[in-house]
Amino acid sequence: MEKEAINTVKTVFSETDQRNWAQVEAQMANTVWLDYASLSGQPGSTVRASDIIAGWKSVLPGFERTQHKLSNFEAKAIKDGYHLTFDGKAEHYLNGKVWTVLGNYKAEVNTAGYRPLLTQLVFNLQEQTGELSLAAQAMDNIKSKQKQEMETQLKAGTNKVNFPSEGENLVGNLYLPKNYRTGQQLPGVIVTGSWTTVKEQMAATYAQEVADLGYAALAFDFRYFGESGGTPRQWENPEAKILDIKNAMDFMAALSII
């Protein structure tokens, strides 16, 4: 099973380069210990596989292409699977420039089930070269594309929307008046419920009432709740929620219909 464990890790990276997100997620357990602190500054934590994919999708498709090169695999048998170490080189291409990230990884793959699943991925940064600003440019590309696609699809009634907040994906419902016409300018309002509710509860009731009065009303799930990302789940964090509201305001202000 050592070979299968190594191939599981290789598939995660090769399918990421191909943007085949379903295959990437299929190689992962439901939750994975993810630690990219040496690159991102965010401490490691247990993250849902779907949230990992959402995070990668918020950056990597903004590049013209990426290429991950893995080498020097070493495997050690542990309970229920293998502990792997290997070197990695990631090249990110955009506008004729390249950003290269070099480092080494530690990973764990559970092979006790019917198929191997990645349960841990830790990256230790060694060096970055080239155009370091490409990551920010890639994220801007993604945001611009998503905004354009989303705005062309807005319709009267309830619209599912996504926007970032401190590195996590937030999911909301944007309520528009029943007589809304494409491209119509509207005043915007953000509606939240009590701290421990999700967007379909109290916030939905009031957002619909406000939309009926001629407003664009946004109700959303805070980080760690509902459909939005972030771990641990159900974490009541007032400071994070204040930032989520501010980021929701930025999202609304950037919409051309507001």
Protein backbone atom coordinates (compact mmCIF):
# COMPACT_ATOMS: atom_id res chain seq x y z
CA MET A 1 0.00 0.00 0.00
CA GLU A 2 3.00 2.31 0.18
CA LYS A 3 2.81 2.95 -3.56
CA GLU A 4 -0.91 3.67 -3.34
CA ALA A 5 -0.31 6.18 -0.54
CA ILE A 6 2.30 8.01 -2.59
CA ASN A 7 0.08 7.98 -5.66
CA THR A 8 -2.75 9.51 -3.61
CA VAL A 9 -0.56 12.51 -2.78
CA LYS A 10 0.67 12.79 -6.37
CA THR A 11 -2.92 12.75 -7.61
CA VAL A 12 -3.89 15.61 -5.28
CA PHE A 13 -1.27 17.85 -6.86
CA SER A 14 -1.56 16.69 -10.48
CA GLU A 15 -5.35 17.05 -10.50
CA THR A 16 -5.03 20.45 -8.80
CA ASP A 17 -2.90 21.58 -11.75
CA GLN A 18 -5.65 20.32 -14.06
CA ARG A 19 -8.32 22.07 -11.95
CA ASN A 20 -10.11 18.73 -11.61
CA TRP A 21 -11.48 19.57 -8.20
CA ALA A 22 -13.75 16.56 -7.84
CA GLN A 23 -10.78 14.25 -8.23
CA VAL A 24 -8.72 16.30 -5.78
CA GLU A 25 -11.41 16.07 -3.13
CA ALA A 26 -11.85 12.35 -3.82
CA GLN A 27 -8.29 11.75 -2.57
CA MET A 28 -9.00 13.40 0.79
CA ALA A 29 -10.68 12.31 4.00
CA ASN A 30 -13.69 14.36 5.05
CA THR A 31 -11.39 16.47 7.21
CA VAL A 32 -7.65 17.02 6.80
CA TRP A 33 -5.05 18.52 9.12
CA LEU A 34 -3.71 21.32 6.90
CA ASP A 35 -0.70 23.45 7.84
CA TYR A 36 0.68 26.03 5.39
CA ALA A 37 1.72 28.41 8.18
CA SER A 38 5.22 28.86 6.77
CA LEU A 39 3.68 30.33 3.59
CA SER A 40 0.37 31.87 4.67
CA GLY A 41 1.03 32.75 8.29
CA GLN A 42 -2.21 31.00 9.30
CA PRO A 43 -1.78 28.27 11.94
CA GLY A 44 -2.51 24.69 11.02
CA SER A 45 -5.97 23.30 11.75
CA THR A 46 -8.37 20.52 10.88
CA VAL A 47 -10.21 21.64 7.75
CA ARG A 48 -13.06 20.12 5.78
CA ALA A 49 -11.90 18.82 2.40
CA SER A 50 -14.55 20.94 0.69
CA ASP A 51 -13.17 24.06 2.38
CA ILE A 52 -9.63 23.21 1.25
CA ILE A 53 -10.87 22.93 -2.32
CA ALA A 54 -12.78 26.21 -2.00
CA GLY A 55 -9.62 27.94 -0.78
CA TRP A 56 -7.49 26.61 -3.61
CA LYS A 57 -10.19 27.49 -6.14
CA SER A 58 -10.10 31.08 -4.91
CA VAL A 59 -6.48 31.47 -6.08
CA LEU A 60 -5.12 28.86 -8.47
CA PRO A 61 -7.55 29.31 -11.41
CA GLY A 62 -6.46 32.94 -11.50
CA PHE A 63 -3.12 31.82 -12.92
CA GLU A 64 -2.76 30.85 -16.56
CA ARG A 65 -1.34 27.54 -15.36
CA THR A 66 0.43 25.92 -12.43
CA GLN A 67 2.84 23.01 -12.26
CA HIS A 68 3.67 21.05 -9.12
CA LYS A 69 6.78 18.86 -9.18
CA LEU A 70 7.19 16.34 -6.35
CA SER A 71 10.32 14.33 -5.60
CA ASN A 72 12.35 12.43 -2.99
CA PHE A 73 9.47 10.55 -1.42
CA GLU A 74 10.13 8.66 1.79
CA ALA A 75 7.47 6.52 3.46
CA LYS A 76 7.10 5.17 6.98
CA ALA A 77 4.35 2.78 8.00
CA ILE A 78 2.15 4.05 10.84
CA LYS A 79 -1.12 2.89 12.34
CA ASP A 80 -3.76 2.72 9.58
CA GLY A 81 -1.47 4.06 6.86
CA TYR A 82 1.74 5.86 5.98
CA HIS A 83 3.62 8.98 6.99
CA LEU A 84 5.24 10.55 3.91
CA THR A 85 7.90 13.19 3.43
CA PHE A 86 8.78 14.68 0.06
CA ASP A 87 10.09 17.78 -1.68
CA GLY A 88 7.90 20.07 -3.72
CA LYS A 89 8.33 22.77 -6.34
CA ALA A 90 5.33 24.80 -7.46
CA GLU A 91 5.49 27.10 -10.48
CA HIS A 92 2.71 29.63 -11.06
CA TYR A 93 2.47 31.38 -14.46
CA LEU A 94 0.69 34.63 -15.28
CA ASN A 95 1.23 37.36 -17.88
CA GLY A 96 4.62 36.01 -18.94
CA LYS A 97 5.91 35.92 -15.37
CA VAL A 98 6.43 33.07 -12.90
CA TRP A 99 6.28 32.73 -9.12
CA THR A 100 8.13 29.67 -7.83
CA VAL A 101 7.68 28.16 -4.38
CA LEU A 102 10.15 25.57 -3.03
CA GLY A 103 9.72 23.53 0.12
CA ASN A 104 9.16 20.15 1.67
CA TYR A 105 6.04 18.37 2.82
CA LYS A 106 4.87 15.98 5.48
CA ALA A 107 1.73 14.02 4.76
CA GLU A 108 -0.27 11.17 6.20
CA VAL A 109 -2.45 8.83 4.16
CA ASN A 110 -4.94 6.43 5.70
CA THR A 111 -4.89 3.11 3.81
CA ALA A 112 -7.13 1.14 6.18
CA GLY A 113 -10.32 1.84 4.25
CA TYR A 114 -11.49 0.78 0.83
CA ARG A 115 -9.24 3.40 -0.76
CA PRO A 116 -6.32 5.56 0.45
CA LEU A 117 -7.26 9.00 1.77
CA LEU A 118 -5.09 11.99 2.63
CA THR A 119 -5.53 12.96 6.30
CA GLN A 120 -2.66 15.40 6.86
CA LEU A 121 -0.66 17.84 4.75
CA VAL A 122 2.04 20.10 6.19
CA PHE A 123 4.17 22.42 4.05
CA ASN A 124 7.51 23.89 5.13
CA LEU A 125 8.58 26.80 2.95
CA GLN A 126 12.23 26.94 1.92
CA GLU A 127 12.32 29.62 -0.77
CA GLN A 128 10.21 31.82 -3.03
CA THR A 129 11.57 33.26 -6.26
CA GLY A 130 10.26 35.24 -9.21
CA GLU A 131 7.28 37.59 -9.16
CA LEU A 132 5.88 37.26 -5.64
CA SER A 133 2.92 39.56 -6.40
CA LEU A 134 1.37 37.03 -8.81
CA ALA A 135 -0.72 35.43 -6.06
CA ALA A 136 -2.51 38.71 -5.37
CA GLN A 137 -2.99 39.27 -9.11
CA ALA A 138 -4.44 35.76 -9.47
CA MET A 139 -6.94 36.37 -6.66
CA ASP A 140 -7.95 39.66 -8.28
CA ASN A 141 -8.52 37.79 -11.56
CA ILE A 142 -10.76 35.28 -9.80
CA LYS A 143 -12.75 37.97 -8.00
CA SER A 144 -13.25 39.96 -11.20
CA LYS A 145 -14.40 36.91 -13.14
CA GLN A 146 -16.71 35.73 -10.37
CA LYS A 147 -18.19 39.19 -9.98
CA GLN A 148 -18.91 39.48 -13.71
CA GLU A 149 -20.44 36.00 -13.88
CA MET A 150 -22.49 36.53 -10.75
CA GLU A 151 -23.87 39.91 -11.77
CA THR A 152 -25.01 38.63 -15.16
CA GLN A 153 -27.00 35.90 -13.38
CA LEU A 154 -28.74 38.09 -10.79
CA LYS A 155 -32.51 37.89 -10.98
CA ALA A 156 -35.55 38.98 -9.03
CA GLY A 157 -35.97 36.99 -5.85
CA THR A 158 -33.25 35.06 -4.02
CA ASN A 159 -29.71 34.73 -5.41
CA LYS A 160 -26.97 32.55 -3.89
CA VAL A 161 -23.69 34.49 -3.65
CA ASN A 162 -20.17 33.87 -2.35
CA PHE A 163 -17.55 36.33 -1.12
CA PRO A 164 -14.28 36.14 0.83
CA SER A 165 -13.70 37.11 4.43
CA GLU A 166 -10.24 36.85 5.99
CA GLY A 167 -9.30 33.91 3.78
CA GLU A 168 -12.57 32.00 4.17
CA ASN A 169 -15.48 31.68 1.76
CA LEU A 170 -18.77 33.12 2.98
CA VAL A 171 -22.08 32.06 1.47
CA GLY A 172 -25.06 34.37 1.36
CA ASN A 173 -28.45 34.98 -0.18
CA LEU A 174 -28.95 38.26 -2.01
CA TYR A 175 -32.64 39.21 -2.09
CA LEU A 176 -33.79 41.47 -4.93
CA PRO A 177 -37.24 43.05 -5.42
CA LYS A 178 -39.83 41.05 -7.32
CA ASN A 179 -39.84 43.71 -10.06
CA TYR A 180 -36.04 43.86 -10.37
CA ARG A 181 -34.74 44.34 -13.93
CA THR A 182 -31.23 43.33 -15.00
CA GLY A 183 -28.77 46.14 -14.35
CA GLN A 184 -31.22 48.16 -12.26
CA GLN A 185 -29.57 50.31 -9.57
CA LEU A 186 -30.74 49.62 -6.01
CA PRO A 187 -29.85 50.76 -2.49
CA GLY A 188 -28.21 47.94 -0.54
CA VAL A 189 -28.76 46.64 2.98
CA ILE A 190 -26.98 43.91 4.97
CA VAL A 191 -29.23 41.91 7.26
CA THR A 192 -27.99 39.66 10.07
CA GLY A 193 -29.89 37.61 12.58
CA SER A 194 -28.97 36.81 16.15
CA TRP A 195 -25.40 35.56 16.52
CA THR A 196 -26.11 31.84 16.58
CA THR A 197 -28.57 31.67 13.67
CA VAL A 198 -27.92 30.94 10.00
CA LYS A 199 -29.03 32.97 7.01
CA GLU A 200 -32.20 30.95 6.37
CA GLN A 201 -33.65 31.84 9.76
CA MET A 202 -34.21 35.32 11.21
CA ALA A 203 -32.07 37.12 8.62
CA ALA A 204 -34.03 35.61 5.72
CA THR A 205 -37.34 36.88 7.08
CA TYR A 206 -36.17 40.46 7.43
CA ALA A 207 -34.11 40.45 4.21
CA GLN A 208 -37.17 39.43 2.21
CA GLU A 209 -39.24 42.18 3.83
CA VAL A 210 -36.55 44.76 3.01
CA ALA A 211 -36.28 43.54 -0.60
CA ASP A 212 -40.04 43.92 -0.96
CA LEU A 213 -39.52 47.60 -0.13
CA GLY A 214 -37.17 48.02 -3.10
CA TYR A 215 -33.76 47.22 -1.64
CA ALA A 216 -31.03 44.69 -2.44
CA ALA A 217 -30.75 42.82 0.88
CA LEU A 218 -27.89 40.47 1.75
CA ALA A 219 -28.20 37.76 4.40
CA PHE A 220 -25.19 35.50 4.90
CA ASP A 221 -23.71 32.81 7.09
CA PHE A 222 -20.90 34.01 9.32
CA ARG A 223 -17.63 32.12 9.35
CA TYR A 224 -17.86 28.77 11.14
CA PHE A 225 -21.63 28.58 10.60
CA GLY A 226 -24.00 27.24 7.96
CA GLU A 227 -22.63 26.98 4.44
CA SER A 228 -19.68 29.31 5.07
CA GLY A 229 -16.17 28.03 5.64
CA GLY A 230 -13.97 28.11 8.70
CA THR A 231 -13.11 25.79 11.56
CA PRO A 232 -13.88 24.90 14.27
CA ARG A 233 -17.55 24.72 13.37
CA GLN A 234 -20.16 26.58 15.46
CA TRP A 235 -17.46 28.83 16.93
CA GLU A 236 -19.06 31.95 18.38
CA ASN A 237 -16.42 34.62 17.64
CA PRO A 238 -17.72 38.21 17.87
CA GLU A 239 -14.52 39.75 16.48
CA ALA A 240 -14.64 37.50 13.43
CA LYS A 241 -18.30 38.32 12.86
CA ILE A 242 -17.60 42.05 12.91
CA LEU A 243 -14.97 41.52 10.22
CA ASP A 244 -17.41 39.35 8.25
CA ILE A 245 -19.94 42.21 8.27
CA LYS A 246 -17.28 44.65 7.07
CA ASN A 247 -16.31 42.27 4.26
CA ALA A 248 -19.97 41.83 3.37
CA MET A 249 -20.20 45.62 3.09
CA ASP A 250 -17.19 45.65 0.74
CA PHE A 251 -18.80 42.91 -1.35
CA MET A 252 -22.06 44.80 -1.65
CA ALA A 253 -20.35 48.11 -2.38
CA ALA A 254 -18.45 46.53 -5.28
CA LEU A 255 -21.62 45.33 -7.04
CA SER A 256 -22.50 47.45 -10.04
CA ILE A 257 -26.22 47.32 -9.16
CA ILE A 258 -25.67 49.01 -5.79
